[in-house]
C-alpha cells in the first residue's frame, strides 16, 4: 500500500466529527520528503470546521515547509474522496498543477489526479500580479 495513503488512514483515526461522523485524513509530502498529516475537525457551526488537508498543510508550513509534491486523502468509508474546492485552492498556493493527489478507494485501490486537473484555471499569485498590471 502507498505509504502516504497509510499515513492518511492513520490520521483519520483522530478526526473530531461529532456532527457528520465522516472521518477524513490527509497526508502531504514536502519537497524534501517529510510527511505531515491532518484530520478533519468539526465545529457546531460547520463554517469553522477544519479540513484534513488544511490541517496537514498548516502543520507543514508552521515547520517551515512551503513546497509539496504529493498529497493523499482517505475517508473512513474509503469512498475515493477528493479534496474540496477550498482545499484544492489551498494546495494550489503551495504546489504546481502537477501535484499528485492520491485518493483512497479502499482494498488497495486508489485514484490519482493532478491538482491542475481537479482545479483548472486556479487563482494564483500570478493571477493577482496580472490583474495589478492590467
N, C-alpha and C. Protein backbone atom coordinates (compact mmCIF):
# COMPACT_ATOMS: atom_id res chain seq x y z
N UNK A 1 0.84 -1.19 0.00
CA UNK A 1 0.00 0.00 0.00
C UNK A 1 0.88 1.25 0.00
N UNK A 2 0.42 2.28 -0.64
CA UNK A 2 1.10 3.56 -0.71
C UNK A 2 1.31 4.08 0.72
N UNK A 3 2.56 4.39 1.10
CA UNK A 3 2.82 4.86 2.46
C UNK A 3 2.09 6.16 2.81
N UNK A 4 1.84 7.00 1.81
CA UNK A 4 1.12 8.24 2.07
C UNK A 4 -0.35 7.96 2.36
N UNK A 5 -0.94 6.99 1.68
CA UNK A 5 -2.31 6.58 1.99
C UNK A 5 -2.37 6.00 3.41
N UNK A 6 -1.37 5.21 3.77
CA UNK A 6 -1.34 4.66 5.13
C UNK A 6 -1.30 5.77 6.16
N UNK A 7 -0.49 6.79 5.91
CA UNK A 7 -0.40 7.93 6.83
C UNK A 7 -1.73 8.67 6.92
N UNK A 8 -2.40 8.84 5.79
CA UNK A 8 -3.71 9.50 5.79
C UNK A 8 -4.73 8.67 6.56
N UNK A 9 -4.70 7.36 6.38
CA UNK A 9 -5.61 6.48 7.12
C UNK A 9 -5.34 6.56 8.62
N UNK A 10 -4.07 6.58 8.99
CA UNK A 10 -3.73 6.69 10.41
C UNK A 10 -4.26 8.01 10.98
N UNK A 11 -4.14 9.08 10.21
CA UNK A 11 -4.56 10.40 10.69
C UNK A 11 -6.07 10.48 10.90
N UNK A 12 -6.85 9.80 10.07
CA UNK A 12 -8.30 9.93 10.21
C UNK A 12 -8.82 9.34 11.51
N UNK A 13 -8.01 8.51 12.16
CA UNK A 13 -8.42 7.95 13.45
C UNK A 13 -8.60 9.05 14.50
N UNK A 14 -7.93 10.19 14.32
CA UNK A 14 -8.02 11.29 15.28
C UNK A 14 -9.06 12.34 14.90
N UNK A 15 -9.80 12.12 13.84
CA UNK A 15 -10.79 13.10 13.39
C UNK A 15 -11.81 13.37 14.50
N UNK A 16 -12.19 14.64 14.61
CA UNK A 16 -13.23 15.06 15.55
C UNK A 16 -14.47 15.38 14.72
N UNK A 17 -15.39 14.44 14.66
CA UNK A 17 -16.54 14.55 13.76
C UNK A 17 -17.87 14.21 14.46
N UNK A 18 -18.22 14.92 15.53
CA UNK A 18 -19.44 14.58 16.25
C UNK A 18 -20.73 14.89 15.50
N UNK A 19 -20.65 15.65 14.42
CA UNK A 19 -21.86 16.07 13.70
C UNK A 19 -22.09 15.26 12.44
N UNK A 20 -21.06 15.04 11.65
CA UNK A 20 -21.22 14.31 10.39
C UNK A 20 -20.84 12.84 10.51
N UNK A 21 -19.98 12.51 11.45
CA UNK A 21 -19.41 11.17 11.59
C UNK A 21 -18.69 10.74 10.31
N UNK A 22 -18.20 11.72 9.56
CA UNK A 22 -17.47 11.46 8.31
C UNK A 22 -16.00 11.81 8.54
N UNK A 23 -15.21 10.80 8.82
CA UNK A 23 -13.80 10.98 9.13
C UNK A 23 -12.97 11.11 7.84
N UNK A 24 -12.06 12.08 7.86
CA UNK A 24 -11.15 12.27 6.74
C UNK A 24 -9.74 12.47 7.29
N UNK A 25 -8.79 11.83 6.66
CA UNK A 25 -7.39 12.02 6.98
C UNK A 25 -6.64 12.40 5.72
N UNK A 26 -5.60 13.19 5.89
CA UNK A 26 -4.77 13.59 4.75
C UNK A 26 -3.31 13.52 5.16
N UNK A 27 -2.47 13.31 4.17
CA UNK A 27 -1.03 13.34 4.36
C UNK A 27 -0.42 14.08 3.18
N UNK A 28 0.45 15.03 3.47
CA UNK A 28 1.17 15.76 2.43
C UNK A 28 2.65 15.44 2.54
N UNK A 29 3.28 15.30 1.39
CA UNK A 29 4.72 15.08 1.35
C UNK A 29 5.37 16.36 0.85
N UNK A 30 6.34 16.84 1.59
CA UNK A 30 7.03 18.06 1.22
C UNK A 30 8.10 17.77 0.18
N UNK A 31 8.65 18.82 -0.38
CA UNK A 31 9.67 18.67 -1.41
C UNK A 31 10.89 17.90 -0.90
N UNK A 32 11.16 17.97 0.41
CA UNK A 32 12.31 17.24 0.95
C UNK A 32 11.95 15.85 1.47
N UNK A 33 10.71 15.43 1.26
CA UNK A 33 10.29 14.08 1.63
C UNK A 33 9.65 13.95 3.00
N UNK A 34 9.56 15.04 3.75
CA UNK A 34 8.88 14.99 5.05
C UNK A 34 7.38 14.78 4.83
N UNK A 35 6.74 14.10 5.76
CA UNK A 35 5.30 13.84 5.66
C UNK A 35 4.60 14.46 6.85
N UNK A 36 3.53 15.18 6.56
CA UNK A 36 2.69 15.80 7.59
C UNK A 36 1.26 15.30 7.39
N UNK A 37 0.59 15.05 8.50
CA UNK A 37 -0.77 14.54 8.42
C UNK A 37 -1.75 15.49 9.09
N UNK A 38 -3.01 15.31 8.75
CA UNK A 38 -4.08 16.08 9.37
C UNK A 38 -5.38 15.31 9.30
N UNK A 39 -6.30 15.70 10.14
CA UNK A 39 -7.64 15.11 10.13
C UNK A 39 -8.66 16.23 10.18
N UNK A 40 -9.90 15.91 9.83
CA UNK A 40 -10.92 16.94 9.90
C UNK A 40 -11.34 17.16 11.35
N UNK A 41 -11.65 18.43 11.65
CA UNK A 41 -12.04 18.85 12.99
C UNK A 41 -13.30 19.69 12.84
N UNK A 42 -14.43 19.12 13.23
CA UNK A 42 -15.71 19.82 13.04
C UNK A 42 -16.00 20.79 14.18
N UNK A 43 -16.87 21.73 13.86
CA UNK A 43 -17.36 22.71 14.81
C UNK A 43 -18.87 22.75 14.66
N UNK A 44 -19.59 23.03 15.73
CA UNK A 44 -21.05 23.02 15.69
C UNK A 44 -21.63 23.96 14.64
N UNK A 45 -20.92 25.03 14.30
CA UNK A 45 -21.44 25.93 13.28
C UNK A 45 -20.98 25.55 11.87
N UNK A 46 -20.25 24.47 11.73
CA UNK A 46 -19.72 23.94 10.47
C UNK A 46 -18.75 24.88 9.75
N UNK A 47 -19.03 26.17 9.67
CA UNK A 47 -18.14 27.04 8.90
C UNK A 47 -16.78 27.18 9.55
N UNK A 48 -16.65 26.92 10.82
CA UNK A 48 -15.35 26.97 11.49
C UNK A 48 -14.65 25.62 11.49
N UNK A 49 -15.21 24.65 10.83
CA UNK A 49 -14.58 23.34 10.76
C UNK A 49 -13.29 23.41 9.95
N UNK A 50 -12.35 22.54 10.30
CA UNK A 50 -11.08 22.46 9.58
C UNK A 50 -11.06 21.17 8.78
N UNK A 51 -10.54 21.25 7.58
CA UNK A 51 -10.45 20.08 6.72
C UNK A 51 -9.09 19.43 6.89
N UNK A 52 -9.03 18.14 6.69
CA UNK A 52 -7.82 17.36 6.93
C UNK A 52 -6.63 17.91 6.13
N UNK A 53 -6.86 18.25 4.87
CA UNK A 53 -5.77 18.75 4.03
C UNK A 53 -5.23 20.08 4.58
N UNK A 54 -6.14 20.95 5.02
CA UNK A 54 -5.73 22.23 5.59
C UNK A 54 -4.86 22.04 6.83
N UNK A 55 -5.27 21.10 7.68
CA UNK A 55 -4.54 20.84 8.91
C UNK A 55 -3.13 20.33 8.59
N UNK A 56 -3.04 19.40 7.65
CA UNK A 56 -1.73 18.86 7.28
C UNK A 56 -0.83 19.95 6.68
N UNK A 57 -1.37 20.77 5.82
CA UNK A 57 -0.59 21.85 5.20
C UNK A 57 -0.16 22.86 6.27
N UNK A 58 -1.08 23.21 7.17
CA UNK A 58 -0.75 24.18 8.22
C UNK A 58 0.39 23.67 9.10
N UNK A 59 0.35 22.38 9.45
CA UNK A 59 1.42 21.82 10.26
C UNK A 59 2.76 21.91 9.52
N UNK A 60 2.76 21.60 8.24
CA UNK A 60 3.99 21.65 7.45
C UNK A 60 4.50 23.08 7.32
N UNK A 61 3.60 24.00 7.03
CA UNK A 61 4.01 25.40 6.85
C UNK A 61 4.55 25.97 8.15
N UNK A 62 3.94 25.62 9.28
CA UNK A 62 4.45 26.14 10.55
C UNK A 62 5.82 25.57 10.89
N UNK A 63 6.17 24.46 10.28
CA UNK A 63 7.52 23.90 10.44
C UNK A 63 8.48 24.40 9.37
N UNK A 64 8.04 25.35 8.54
CA UNK A 64 8.93 25.97 7.57
C UNK A 64 8.89 25.40 6.17
N UNK A 65 7.97 24.47 5.90
CA UNK A 65 7.87 23.90 4.56
C UNK A 65 6.86 24.70 3.73
N UNK A 66 7.14 24.83 2.46
CA UNK A 66 6.25 25.57 1.59
C UNK A 66 6.10 24.98 0.21
N UNK A 67 6.66 23.79 0.00
CA UNK A 67 6.54 23.12 -1.30
C UNK A 67 6.14 21.68 -1.06
N UNK A 68 5.15 21.23 -1.83
CA UNK A 68 4.64 19.87 -1.69
C UNK A 68 4.65 19.19 -3.05
N UNK A 69 4.86 17.86 -3.05
CA UNK A 69 4.86 17.15 -4.33
C UNK A 69 3.82 16.03 -4.39
N UNK A 70 3.15 15.75 -3.26
CA UNK A 70 2.18 14.66 -3.25
C UNK A 70 1.27 14.82 -2.04
N UNK A 71 0.00 14.51 -2.22
CA UNK A 71 -0.95 14.52 -1.12
C UNK A 71 -1.84 13.29 -1.25
N UNK A 72 -2.20 12.71 -0.12
CA UNK A 72 -3.11 11.57 -0.11
C UNK A 72 -4.28 11.90 0.81
N UNK A 73 -5.46 11.43 0.41
CA UNK A 73 -6.68 11.68 1.18
C UNK A 73 -7.43 10.36 1.34
N UNK A 74 -7.94 10.15 2.55
CA UNK A 74 -8.71 8.94 2.81
C UNK A 74 -9.88 9.29 3.72
N UNK A 75 -10.98 8.61 3.54
CA UNK A 75 -12.11 8.77 4.46
C UNK A 75 -12.35 7.44 5.15
N UNK A 76 -13.09 7.50 6.22
CA UNK A 76 -13.40 6.28 6.96
C UNK A 76 -14.16 5.26 6.15
N UNK A 77 -14.87 5.71 5.12
CA UNK A 77 -15.65 4.78 4.30
C UNK A 77 -14.95 4.43 2.99
N UNK A 78 -13.72 4.95 2.81
CA UNK A 78 -12.90 4.62 1.63
C UNK A 78 -13.68 4.82 0.32
N UNK A 79 -14.22 6.01 0.15
CA UNK A 79 -15.07 6.31 -1.00
C UNK A 79 -14.38 7.12 -2.09
N UNK A 80 -13.06 7.21 -2.04
CA UNK A 80 -12.34 7.95 -3.08
C UNK A 80 -12.46 9.45 -2.96
N UNK A 81 -12.76 9.94 -1.76
CA UNK A 81 -12.95 11.37 -1.56
C UNK A 81 -11.77 12.15 -2.11
N UNK A 82 -12.07 13.25 -2.78
CA UNK A 82 -11.06 14.17 -3.29
C UNK A 82 -11.09 15.43 -2.43
N UNK A 83 -10.02 16.21 -2.43
CA UNK A 83 -10.05 17.47 -1.70
C UNK A 83 -11.18 18.37 -2.22
N UNK A 84 -11.84 19.08 -1.32
CA UNK A 84 -12.90 20.01 -1.73
C UNK A 84 -12.27 21.21 -2.44
N UNK A 85 -13.09 22.07 -2.99
CA UNK A 85 -12.60 23.24 -3.72
C UNK A 85 -11.72 24.14 -2.88
N UNK A 86 -12.10 24.36 -1.63
CA UNK A 86 -11.32 25.21 -0.75
C UNK A 86 -9.94 24.60 -0.51
N UNK A 87 -9.89 23.30 -0.28
CA UNK A 87 -8.60 22.63 -0.05
C UNK A 87 -7.77 22.60 -1.32
N UNK A 88 -8.42 22.46 -2.46
CA UNK A 88 -7.70 22.49 -3.73
C UNK A 88 -7.01 23.85 -3.91
N UNK A 89 -7.73 24.91 -3.57
CA UNK A 89 -7.14 26.24 -3.68
C UNK A 89 -5.98 26.41 -2.71
N UNK A 90 -6.11 25.89 -1.51
CA UNK A 90 -5.02 25.95 -0.53
C UNK A 90 -3.82 25.17 -1.04
N UNK A 91 -4.04 23.98 -1.59
CA UNK A 91 -2.94 23.21 -2.16
C UNK A 91 -2.27 23.99 -3.29
N UNK A 92 -3.06 24.65 -4.12
CA UNK A 92 -2.51 25.40 -5.26
C UNK A 92 -1.63 26.56 -4.82
N UNK A 93 -1.82 27.04 -3.60
CA UNK A 93 -0.97 28.11 -3.08
C UNK A 93 0.47 27.63 -2.89
N UNK A 94 0.63 26.32 -2.65
CA UNK A 94 1.94 25.78 -2.31
C UNK A 94 2.46 24.75 -3.31
N UNK A 95 1.68 24.42 -4.32
CA UNK A 95 2.09 23.35 -5.23
C UNK A 95 1.71 23.71 -6.66
N UNK A 96 2.43 23.10 -7.58
CA UNK A 96 2.17 23.31 -9.01
C UNK A 96 0.98 22.45 -9.46
N UNK A 97 0.55 22.70 -10.67
CA UNK A 97 -0.58 21.95 -11.26
C UNK A 97 -0.32 20.45 -11.32
N UNK A 98 0.97 20.06 -11.31
CA UNK A 98 1.28 18.63 -11.43
C UNK A 98 1.36 17.92 -10.07
N UNK A 99 0.99 18.60 -8.98
CA UNK A 99 0.94 17.93 -7.68
C UNK A 99 0.09 16.68 -7.79
N UNK A 100 0.61 15.55 -7.33
CA UNK A 100 -0.13 14.29 -7.38
C UNK A 100 -1.07 14.22 -6.19
N UNK A 101 -2.35 14.00 -6.47
CA UNK A 101 -3.39 13.86 -5.46
C UNK A 101 -3.88 12.41 -5.51
N UNK A 102 -3.63 11.66 -4.43
CA UNK A 102 -3.98 10.25 -4.36
C UNK A 102 -5.20 10.11 -3.46
N UNK A 103 -6.24 9.47 -3.98
CA UNK A 103 -7.50 9.32 -3.26
C UNK A 103 -7.78 7.84 -3.00
N UNK A 104 -8.08 7.51 -1.76
CA UNK A 104 -8.22 6.14 -1.29
C UNK A 104 -9.60 5.57 -1.62
N UNK A 105 -9.61 4.53 -2.44
CA UNK A 105 -10.84 3.83 -2.81
C UNK A 105 -11.07 2.59 -1.94
N UNK A 106 -10.10 2.24 -1.11
CA UNK A 106 -10.20 1.04 -0.28
C UNK A 106 -9.68 -0.18 -1.00
N UNK A 107 -9.48 -1.26 -0.27
CA UNK A 107 -9.00 -2.53 -0.82
C UNK A 107 -7.74 -2.36 -1.68
N UNK A 108 -6.89 -1.41 -1.29
CA UNK A 108 -5.64 -1.20 -2.01
C UNK A 108 -5.80 -0.41 -3.30
N UNK A 109 -7.00 0.00 -3.62
CA UNK A 109 -7.27 0.77 -4.85
C UNK A 109 -7.19 2.27 -4.57
N UNK A 110 -6.61 3.00 -5.50
CA UNK A 110 -6.54 4.45 -5.40
C UNK A 110 -6.84 5.06 -6.76
N UNK A 111 -7.22 6.32 -6.73
CA UNK A 111 -7.30 7.13 -7.94
C UNK A 111 -6.27 8.23 -7.79
N UNK A 112 -5.57 8.54 -8.86
CA UNK A 112 -4.59 9.62 -8.83
C UNK A 112 -5.00 10.69 -9.83
N UNK A 113 -4.84 11.92 -9.38
CA UNK A 113 -5.16 13.08 -10.20
C UNK A 113 -3.99 14.05 -10.11
N UNK A 114 -3.90 14.93 -11.07
CA UNK A 114 -3.02 16.09 -10.97
C UNK A 114 -3.87 17.22 -10.41
N UNK A 115 -3.30 18.04 -9.54
CA UNK A 115 -4.06 19.14 -8.96
C UNK A 115 -4.69 20.01 -10.03
N UNK A 116 -3.95 20.29 -11.11
CA UNK A 116 -4.48 21.11 -12.19
C UNK A 116 -5.69 20.51 -12.87
N UNK A 117 -5.79 19.19 -12.82
CA UNK A 117 -6.97 18.50 -13.37
C UNK A 117 -8.18 18.74 -12.47
N UNK A 118 -7.94 18.74 -11.16
CA UNK A 118 -9.03 18.94 -10.20
C UNK A 118 -9.42 20.41 -10.06
N UNK A 119 -8.47 21.31 -10.31
CA UNK A 119 -8.71 22.74 -10.16
C UNK A 119 -8.06 23.50 -11.31
N UNK A 120 -8.70 23.46 -12.48
CA UNK A 120 -8.13 24.18 -13.62
C UNK A 120 -8.30 25.69 -13.45
N UNK A 121 -7.42 26.45 -14.06
CA UNK A 121 -7.51 27.91 -14.07
C UNK A 121 -7.60 28.50 -12.66
N UNK A 122 -6.75 28.02 -11.78
CA UNK A 122 -6.77 28.46 -10.39
C UNK A 122 -6.37 29.92 -10.24
N UNK A 123 -6.82 30.51 -9.16
CA UNK A 123 -6.37 31.84 -8.79
C UNK A 123 -5.01 31.66 -8.12
N UNK A 124 -4.01 32.40 -8.60
CA UNK A 124 -2.66 32.26 -8.07
C UNK A 124 -2.04 33.64 -7.88
N UNK A 125 -0.85 33.65 -7.34
CA UNK A 125 -0.12 34.92 -7.21
C UNK A 125 0.05 35.55 -8.59
N UNK A 126 0.29 34.73 -9.60
CA UNK A 126 0.42 35.25 -10.97
C UNK A 126 -0.86 35.89 -11.46
N UNK A 127 -1.99 35.31 -11.11
CA UNK A 127 -3.28 35.89 -11.48
C UNK A 127 -3.42 37.29 -10.90
N UNK A 128 -3.05 37.42 -9.64
CA UNK A 128 -3.16 38.73 -8.98
C UNK A 128 -2.16 39.71 -9.55
N UNK A 129 -0.95 39.25 -9.87
CA UNK A 129 0.04 40.13 -10.50
C UNK A 129 -0.48 40.65 -11.84
N UNK A 130 -1.05 39.76 -12.63
CA UNK A 130 -1.60 40.15 -13.94
C UNK A 130 -2.70 41.17 -13.78
N UNK A 131 -3.54 41.01 -12.76
CA UNK A 131 -4.64 41.94 -12.54
C UNK A 131 -4.11 43.32 -12.14
N UNK A 132 -3.05 43.37 -11.36
CA UNK A 132 -2.47 44.64 -10.94
C UNK A 132 -1.83 45.37 -12.11
N UNK A 133 -1.24 44.60 -13.02
CA UNK A 133 -0.56 45.19 -14.17
C UNK A 133 -1.53 45.64 -15.25
N UNK A 134 -2.70 45.03 -15.28
CA UNK A 134 -3.67 45.29 -16.34
C UNK A 134 -4.54 46.42 -16.10
